[in-house]
PDB file of N, CA and C in Angstrom:
ATOM      1  N   MET A   1      13.858  -4.922   7.259  1.00  0.00           N
ATOM      2  CA  MET A   1      12.894  -3.862   7.505  1.00  0.00           C
ATOM      3  C   MET A   1      11.722  -4.452   8.296  1.00  0.00           C
ATOM      4  N   ASP A   2      11.392  -3.829   9.405  1.00  0.00           N
ATOM      5  CA  ASP A   2      10.280  -4.364  10.198  1.00  0.00           C
ATOM      6  C   ASP A   2       8.943  -3.795   9.715  1.00  0.00           C
ATOM      7  N   ILE A   3       7.866  -4.342  10.251  1.00  0.00           N
ATOM      8  CA  ILE A   3       6.519  -3.983   9.798  1.00  0.00           C
ATOM      9  C   ILE A   3       6.215  -2.506  10.042  1.00  0.00           C
ATOM     10  N   ASN A   4       6.759  -1.940  11.107  1.00  0.00           N
ATOM     11  CA  ASN A   4       6.509  -0.520  11.389  1.00  0.00           C
ATOM     12  C   ASN A   4       7.152   0.382  10.340  1.00  0.00           C
ATOM     13  N   GLU A   5       8.356   0.013   9.917  1.00  0.00           N
ATOM     14  CA  GLU A   5       9.022   0.783   8.858  1.00  0.00           C
ATOM     15  C   GLU A   5       8.245   0.689   7.544  1.00  0.00           C
ATOM     16  N   VAL A   6       7.787  -0.513   7.220  1.00  0.00           N
ATOM     17  CA  VAL A   6       6.982  -0.708   6.003  1.00  0.00           C
ATOM     18  C   VAL A   6       5.722   0.131   6.077  1.00  0.00           C
ATOM     19  N   THR A   7       5.032   0.068   7.198  1.00  0.00           N
ATOM     20  CA  THR A   7       3.783   0.813   7.375  1.00  0.00           C
ATOM     21  C   THR A   7       4.009   2.309   7.195  1.00  0.00           C
ATOM     22  N   GLU A   8       5.063   2.838   7.795  1.00  0.00           N
ATOM     23  CA  GLU A   8       5.342   4.274   7.678  1.00  0.00           C
ATOM     24  C   GLU A   8       5.681   4.667   6.239  1.00  0.00           C
ATOM     25  N   LYS A   9       6.445   3.837   5.546  1.00  0.00           N
ATOM     26  CA  LYS A   9       6.793   4.146   4.153  1.00  0.00           C
ATOM     27  C   LYS A   9       5.561   4.106   3.260  1.00  0.00           C
ATOM     28  N   VAL A  10       4.697   3.117   3.480  1.00  0.00           N
ATOM     29  CA  VAL A  10       3.469   3.013   2.677  1.00  0.00           C
ATOM     30  C   VAL A  10       2.566   4.213   2.961  1.00  0.00           C
ATOM     31  N   LYS A  11       2.407   4.532   4.226  1.00  0.00           N
ATOM     32  CA  LYS A  11       1.577   5.683   4.596  1.00  0.00           C
ATOM     33  C   LYS A  11       2.120   6.962   3.956  1.00  0.00           C
ATOM     34  N   LYS A  12       3.434   7.129   4.000  1.00  0.00           N
ATOM     35  CA  LYS A  12       4.062   8.329   3.449  1.00  0.00           C
ATOM     36  C   LYS A  12       3.791   8.458   1.956  1.00  0.00           C
ATOM     37  N   PHE A  13       3.951   7.366   1.191  1.00  0.00           N
ATOM     38  CA  PHE A  13       3.730   7.515  -0.248  1.00  0.00           C
ATOM     39  C   PHE A  13       2.253   7.646  -0.591  1.00  0.00           C
ATOM     40  N   LEU A  14       1.363   7.082   0.222  1.00  0.00           N
ATOM     41  CA  LEU A  14      -0.066   7.281  -0.032  1.00  0.00           C
ATOM     42  C   LEU A  14      -0.454   8.745   0.168  1.00  0.00           C
ATOM     43  N   VAL A  15       0.124   9.379   1.179  1.00  0.00           N
ATOM     44  CA  VAL A  15      -0.160  10.792   1.453  1.00  0.00           C
ATOM     45  C   VAL A  15       0.478  11.682   0.382  1.00  0.00           C
ATOM     46  N   GLU A  16       1.749  11.424   0.076  1.00  0.00           N
ATOM     47  CA  GLU A  16       2.474  12.304  -0.845  1.00  0.00           C
ATOM     48  C   GLU A  16       2.108  12.082  -2.311  1.00  0.00           C
ATOM     49  N   GLU A  17       2.014  10.837  -2.737  1.00  0.00           N
ATOM     50  CA  GLU A  17       1.792  10.536  -4.153  1.00  0.00           C
ATOM     51  C   GLU A  17       0.316  10.502  -4.542  1.00  0.00           C
ATOM     52  N   PHE A  18      -0.529  10.093  -3.606  1.00  0.00           N
ATOM     53  CA  PHE A  18      -1.939   9.894  -3.932  1.00  0.00           C
ATOM     54  C   PHE A  18      -2.864  10.866  -3.204  1.00  0.00           C
ATOM     55  N   GLU A  19      -2.251  11.768  -2.436  1.00  0.00           N
ATOM     56  CA  GLU A  19      -2.981  12.826  -1.734  1.00  0.00           C
ATOM     57  C   GLU A  19      -4.121  12.301  -0.863  1.00  0.00           C
ATOM     58  N   ILE A  20      -3.868  11.189  -0.200  1.00  0.00           N
ATOM     59  CA  ILE A  20      -4.833  10.624   0.739  1.00  0.00           C
ATOM     60  C   ILE A  20      -4.581  11.265   2.091  1.00  0.00           C
ATOM     61  N   GLU A  21      -5.650  11.702   2.743  1.00  0.00           N
ATOM     62  CA  GLU A  21      -5.507  12.346   4.046  1.00  0.00           C
ATOM     63  C   GLU A  21      -4.969  11.343   5.061  1.00  0.00           C
ATOM     64  N   GLU A  22      -3.920  11.746   5.755  1.00  0.00           N
ATOM     65  CA  GLU A  22      -3.249  10.837   6.683  1.00  0.00           C
ATOM     66  C   GLU A  22      -4.184  10.280   7.757  1.00  0.00           C
ATOM     67  N   ASP A  23      -5.122  11.088   8.225  1.00  0.00           N
ATOM     68  CA  ASP A  23      -6.024  10.608   9.277  1.00  0.00           C
ATOM     69  C   ASP A  23      -6.995   9.536   8.790  1.00  0.00           C
ATOM     70  N   LYS A  24      -7.124   9.353   7.486  1.00  0.00           N
ATOM     71  CA  LYS A  24      -7.973   8.285   6.941  1.00  0.00           C
ATOM     72  C   LYS A  24      -7.237   6.947   6.893  1.00  0.00           C
ATOM     73  N   ILE A  25      -5.921   6.993   6.971  1.00  0.00           N
ATOM     74  CA  ILE A  25      -5.111   5.784   6.823  1.00  0.00           C
ATOM     75  C   ILE A  25      -4.996   5.092   8.177  1.00  0.00           C
ATOM     76  N   LYS A  26      -5.861   4.126   8.364  1.00  0.00           N
ATOM     77  CA  LYS A  26      -5.911   3.334   9.591  1.00  0.00           C
ATOM     78  C   LYS A  26      -5.734   1.862   9.211  1.00  0.00           C
ATOM     79  N   PRO A  27      -5.316   1.018  10.153  1.00  0.00           N
ATOM     80  CA  PRO A  27      -5.077  -0.389   9.810  1.00  0.00           C
ATOM     81  C   PRO A  27      -6.252  -1.074   9.110  1.00  0.00           C
ATOM     82  N   ASP A  28      -7.481  -0.789   9.558  1.00  0.00           N
ATOM     83  CA  ASP A  28      -8.635  -1.476   8.980  1.00  0.00           C
ATOM     84  C   ASP A  28      -9.286  -0.699   7.831  1.00  0.00           C
ATOM     85  N   ALA A  29      -8.650   0.374   7.378  1.00  0.00           N
ATOM     86  CA  ALA A  29      -9.205   1.166   6.272  1.00  0.00           C
ATOM     87  C   ALA A  29      -9.199   0.346   4.988  1.00  0.00           C
ATOM     88  N   ASN A  30     -10.352   0.281   4.328  1.00  0.00           N
ATOM     89  CA  ASN A  30     -10.458  -0.414   3.050  1.00  0.00           C
ATOM     90  C   ASN A  30      -9.777   0.438   1.990  1.00  0.00           C
ATOM     91  N   LEU A  31      -8.907  -0.190   1.207  1.00  0.00           N
ATOM     92  CA  LEU A  31      -8.132   0.547   0.210  1.00  0.00           C
ATOM     93  C   LEU A  31      -9.033   1.253  -0.797  1.00  0.00           C
ATOM     94  N   LYS A  32     -10.093   0.592  -1.218  1.00  0.00           N
ATOM     95  CA  LYS A  32     -10.967   1.175  -2.241  1.00  0.00           C
ATOM     96  C   LYS A  32     -12.005   2.115  -1.642  1.00  0.00           C
ATOM     97  N   SER A  33     -12.821   1.608  -0.727  1.00  0.00           N
ATOM     98  CA  SER A  33     -13.943   2.423  -0.248  1.00  0.00           C
ATOM     99  C   SER A  33     -13.533   3.510   0.744  1.00  0.00           C
ATOM    100  N   ASP A  34     -12.564   3.240   1.611  1.00  0.00           N
ATOM    101  CA  ASP A  34     -12.160   4.237   2.612  1.00  0.00           C
ATOM    102  C   ASP A  34     -11.078   5.188   2.112  1.00  0.00           C
ATOM    103  N   LEU A  35     -10.143   4.653   1.336  1.00  0.00           N
ATOM    104  CA  LEU A  35      -9.010   5.468   0.886  1.00  0.00           C
ATOM    105  C   LEU A  35      -9.173   5.960  -0.554  1.00  0.00           C
ATOM    106  N   GLY A  36     -10.174   5.449  -1.251  1.00  0.00           N
ATOM    107  CA  GLY A  36     -10.464   5.935  -2.605  1.00  0.00           C
ATOM    108  C   GLY A  36      -9.462   5.509  -3.661  1.00  0.00           C
ATOM    109  N   ILE A  37      -8.769   4.406  -3.419  1.00  0.00           N
ATOM    110  CA  ILE A  37      -7.794   3.916  -4.395  1.00  0.00           C
ATOM    111  C   ILE A  37      -8.546   3.121  -5.461  1.00  0.00           C
ATOM    112  N   ASP A  38      -8.405   3.551  -6.715  1.00  0.00           N
ATOM    113  CA  ASP A  38      -9.093   2.852  -7.801  1.00  0.00           C
ATOM    114  C   ASP A  38      -8.092   2.027  -8.616  1.00  0.00           C
ATOM    115  N   SER A  39      -8.594   1.382  -9.658  1.00  0.00           N
ATOM    116  CA  SER A  39      -7.733   0.476 -10.431  1.00  0.00           C
ATOM    117  C   SER A  39      -6.573   1.213 -11.100  1.00  0.00           C
ATOM    118  N   LEU A  40      -6.784   2.445 -11.514  1.00  0.00           N
ATOM    119  CA  LEU A  40      -5.681   3.219 -12.100  1.00  0.00           C
ATOM    120  C   LEU A  40      -4.623   3.546 -11.055  1.00  0.00           C
ATOM    121  N   ASP A  41      -5.071   3.833  -9.833  1.00  0.00           N
ATOM    122  CA  ASP A  41      -4.124   4.090  -8.743  1.00  0.00           C
ATOM    123  C   ASP A  41      -3.269   2.863  -8.460  1.00  0.00           C
ATOM    124  N   PHE A  42      -3.883   1.677  -8.539  1.00  0.00           N
ATOM    125  CA  PHE A  42      -3.130   0.454  -8.271  1.00  0.00           C
ATOM    126  C   PHE A  42      -1.983   0.282  -9.269  1.00  0.00           C
ATOM    127  N   VAL A  43      -2.193   0.700 -10.507  1.00  0.00           N
ATOM    128  CA  VAL A  43      -1.122   0.639 -11.508  1.00  0.00           C
ATOM    129  C   VAL A  43       0.048   1.515 -11.051  1.00  0.00           C
ATOM    130  N   ASP A  44      -0.258   2.716 -10.573  1.00  0.00           N
ATOM    131  CA  ASP A  44       0.789   3.609 -10.075  1.00  0.00           C
ATOM    132  C   ASP A  44       1.436   3.068  -8.799  1.00  0.00           C
ATOM    133  N   ILE A  45       0.638   2.452  -7.950  1.00  0.00           N
ATOM    134  CA  ILE A  45       1.161   1.891  -6.700  1.00  0.00           C
ATOM    135  C   ILE A  45       2.186   0.804  -6.990  1.00  0.00           C
ATOM    136  N   VAL A  46       1.945  -0.002  -8.018  1.00  0.00           N
ATOM    137  CA  VAL A  46       2.893  -1.049  -8.403  1.00  0.00           C
ATOM    138  C   VAL A  46       4.263  -0.434  -8.680  1.00  0.00           C
ATOM    139  N   VAL A  47       4.277   0.674  -9.407  1.00  0.00           N
ATOM    140  CA  VAL A  47       5.534   1.353  -9.747  1.00  0.00           C
ATOM    141  C   VAL A  47       6.202   1.920  -8.492  1.00  0.00           C
ATOM    142  N   VAL A  48       5.420   2.559  -7.639  1.00  0.00           N
ATOM    143  CA  VAL A  48       5.970   3.175  -6.422  1.00  0.00           C
ATOM    144  C   VAL A  48       6.551   2.104  -5.497  1.00  0.00           C
ATOM    145  N   VAL A  49       5.822   1.014  -5.309  1.00  0.00           N
ATOM    146  CA  VAL A  49       6.303  -0.058  -4.433  1.00  0.00           C
ATOM    147  C   VAL A  49       7.595  -0.655  -4.979  1.00  0.00           C
ATOM    148  N   GLU A  50       7.653  -0.843  -6.285  1.00  0.00           N
ATOM    149  CA  GLU A  50       8.881  -1.377  -6.890  1.00  0.00           C
ATOM    150  C   GLU A  50      10.058  -0.437  -6.627  1.00  0.00           C
ATOM    151  N   ASP A  51       9.834   0.873  -6.777  1.00  0.00           N
ATOM    152  CA  ASP A  51      10.902   1.847  -6.535  1.00  0.00           C
ATOM    153  C   ASP A  51      11.356   1.861  -5.079  1.00  0.00           C
ATOM    154  N   ILE A  52      10.403   1.846  -4.163  1.00  0.00           N
ATOM    155  CA  ILE A  52      10.731   1.982  -2.738  1.00  0.00           C
ATOM    156  C   ILE A  52      11.249   0.681  -2.136  1.00  0.00           C
ATOM    157  N   PHE A  53      10.583  -0.426  -2.451  1.00  0.00           N
ATOM    158  CA  PHE A  53      10.878  -1.688  -1.773  1.00  0.00           C
ATOM    159  C   PHE A  53      11.683  -2.679  -2.620  1.00  0.00           C
ATOM    160  N   GLY A  54      11.810  -2.419  -3.922  1.00  0.00           N
ATOM    161  CA  GLY A  54      12.668  -3.239  -4.756  1.00  0.00           C
ATOM    162  C   GLY A  54      12.102  -4.561  -5.229  1.00  0.00           C
ATOM    163  N   PHE A  55      10.785  -4.699  -5.249  1.00  0.00           N
ATOM    164  CA  PHE A  55      10.189  -5.905  -5.813  1.00  0.00           C
ATOM    165  C   PHE A  55       8.927  -5.526  -6.577  1.00  0.00           C
ATOM    166  N   LYS A  56       8.525  -6.391  -7.488  1.00  0.00           N
ATOM    167  CA  LYS A  56       7.346  -6.149  -8.304  1.00  0.00           C
ATOM    168  C   LYS A  56       6.111  -6.745  -7.638  1.00  0.00           C
ATOM    169  N   LEU A  57       5.069  -5.955  -7.522  1.00  0.00           N
ATOM    170  CA  LEU A  57       3.794  -6.457  -7.025  1.00  0.00           C
ATOM    171  C   LEU A  57       3.151  -7.320  -8.103  1.00  0.00           C
ATOM    172  N   GLN A  58       2.518  -8.376  -7.687  1.00  0.00           N
ATOM    173  CA  GLN A  58       1.786  -9.233  -8.616  1.00  0.00           C
ATOM    174  C   GLN A  58       0.304  -8.912  -8.507  1.00  0.00           C
ATOM    175  N   ALA A  59      -0.299  -8.520  -9.611  1.00  0.00           N
ATOM    176  CA  ALA A  59      -1.703  -8.090  -9.615  1.00  0.00           C
ATOM    177  C   ALA A  59      -2.623  -9.158  -9.028  1.00  0.00           C
ATOM    178  N   GLU A  60      -2.377 -10.420  -9.367  1.00  0.00           N
ATOM    179  CA  GLU A  60      -3.257 -11.484  -8.869  1.00  0.00           C
ATOM    180  C   GLU A  60      -3.157 -11.642  -7.355  1.00  0.00           C
ATOM    181  N   GLU A  61      -2.016 -11.310  -6.772  1.00  0.00           N
ATOM    182  CA  GLU A  61      -1.876 -11.389  -5.318  1.00  0.00           C
ATOM    183  C   GLU A  61      -2.588 -10.228  -4.623  1.00  0.00           C
ATOM    184  N   LEU A  62      -2.764  -9.128  -5.322  1.00  0.00           N
ATOM    185  CA  LEU A  62      -3.433  -7.965  -4.728  1.00  0.00           C
ATOM    186  C   LEU A  62      -4.943  -8.119  -4.660  1.00  0.00           C
ATOM    187  N   ARG A  63      -5.497  -9.027  -5.435  1.00  0.00           N
ATOM    188  CA  ARG A  63      -6.957  -9.184  -5.473  1.00  0.00           C
ATOM    189  C   ARG A  63      -7.565  -9.492  -4.113  1.00  0.00           C
ATOM    190  N   ASN A  64      -6.833 -10.217  -3.280  1.00  0.00           N
ATOM    191  CA  ASN A  64      -7.347 -10.606  -1.972  1.00  0.00           C
ATOM    192  C   ASN A  64      -7.036  -9.604  -0.869  1.00  0.00           C
ATOM    193  N   ILE A  65      -6.310  -8.561  -1.212  1.00  0.00           N
ATOM    194  CA  ILE A  65      -5.931  -7.560  -0.214  1.00  0.00           C
ATOM    195  C   ILE A  65      -6.989  -6.461  -0.180  1.00  0.00           C
ATOM    196  N   GLN A  66      -7.588  -6.281   0.977  1.00  0.00           N
ATOM    197  CA  GLN A  66      -8.674  -5.321   1.131  1.00  0.00           C
ATOM    198  C   GLN A  66      -8.296  -4.095   1.960  1.00  0.00           C
ATOM    199  N   THR A  67      -7.520  -4.312   3.021  1.00  0.00           N
ATOM    200  CA  THR A  67      -7.275  -3.229   3.977  1.00  0.00           C
ATOM    201  C   THR A  67      -5.821  -2.739   3.933  1.00  0.00           C
ATOM    202  N   PHE A  68      -5.626  -1.574   4.527  1.00  0.00           N
ATOM    203  CA  PHE A  68      -4.289  -0.986   4.619  1.00  0.00           C
ATOM    204  C   PHE A  68      -3.327  -1.932   5.329  1.00  0.00           C
ATOM    205  N   SER A  69      -3.754  -2.536   6.446  1.00  0.00           N
ATOM    206  CA  SER A  69      -2.853  -3.426   7.185  1.00  0.00           C
ATOM    207  C   SER A  69      -2.525  -4.681   6.383  1.00  0.00           C
ATOM    208  N   GLU A  70      -3.498  -5.220   5.635  1.00  0.00           N
ATOM    209  CA  GLU A  70      -3.219  -6.384   4.787  1.00  0.00           C
ATOM    210  C   GLU A  70      -2.186  -6.027   3.714  1.00  0.00           C
ATOM    211  N   PHE A  71      -2.313  -4.827   3.158  1.00  0.00           N
ATOM    212  CA  PHE A  71      -1.378  -4.359   2.137  1.00  0.00           C
ATOM    213  C   PHE A  71       0.033  -4.231   2.719  1.00  0.00           C
ATOM    214  N   CYS A  72       0.138  -3.632   3.890  1.00  0.00           N
ATOM    215  CA  CYS A  72       1.446  -3.482   4.546  1.00  0.00           C
ATOM    216  C   CYS A  72       2.037  -4.845   4.906  1.00  0.00           C
ATOM    217  N   ASN A  73       1.214  -5.758   5.394  1.00  0.00           N
ATOM    218  CA  ASN A  73       1.697  -7.101   5.731  1.00  0.00           C
ATOM    219  C   ASN A  73       2.192  -7.836   4.492  1.00  0.00           C
ATOM    220  N   TYR A  74       1.493  -7.663   3.377  1.00  0.00           N
ATOM    221  CA  TYR A  74       1.915  -8.272   2.117  1.00  0.00           C
ATOM    222  C   TYR A  74       3.296  -7.741   1.711  1.00  0.00           C
ATOM    223  N   ILE A  75       3.449  -6.423   1.742  1.00  0.00           N
ATOM    224  CA  ILE A  75       4.737  -5.821   1.373  1.00  0.00           C
ATOM    225  C   ILE A  75       5.833  -6.309   2.326  1.00  0.00           C
ATOM    226  N   HIS A  76       5.529  -6.324   3.615  1.00  0.00           N
ATOM    227  CA  HIS A  76       6.500  -6.784   4.617  1.00  0.00           C
ATOM    228  C   HIS A  76       6.931  -8.220   4.326  1.00  0.00           C
ATOM    229  N   SER A  77       6.001  -9.071   3.960  1.00  0.00           N
ATOM    230  CA  SER A  77       6.328 -10.474   3.691  1.00  0.00           C
ATOM    231  C   SER A  77       7.274 -10.602   2.487  1.00  0.00           C
ATOM    232  N   LYS A  78       7.213  -9.663   1.567  1.00  0.00           N
ATOM    233  CA  LYS A  78       8.064  -9.692   0.377  1.00  0.00           C
ATOM    234  C   LYS A  78       9.441  -9.063   0.619  1.00  0.00           C
ATOM    235  N   THR A  79       9.583  -8.323   1.716  1.00  0.00           N
ATOM    236  CA  THR A  79      10.854  -7.638   1.978  1.00  0.00           C
ATOM    237  C   THR A  79      11.755  -8.426   2.936  1.00  0.00           C
ATOM    238  N   LYS A  80      11.289  -9.550   3.415  1.00  0.00           N
ATOM    239  CA  LYS A  80      12.084 -10.344   4.386  1.00  0.00           C
ATOM    240  C   LYS A  80      13.245 -11.013   3.703  1.00  0.00           C
TER     241      LYS A  80
END
């Protein structure tokens, strides 16, 4: 799966599952301040990512991820 496919899948579930407006989802969008993802949302995101991509997110690895593009790159690195 290439980075574009990962990005589209992540964008799709953020819009559908978390009701984030698609036009807010930009590469440099901050997950918390721009997209409004809070700690409870991250718990749900772990489940969604596991279902879609087939691996478990590690909470400690997410601490350093700030932006949408960093999140997509992290997922992409785990799907190789």
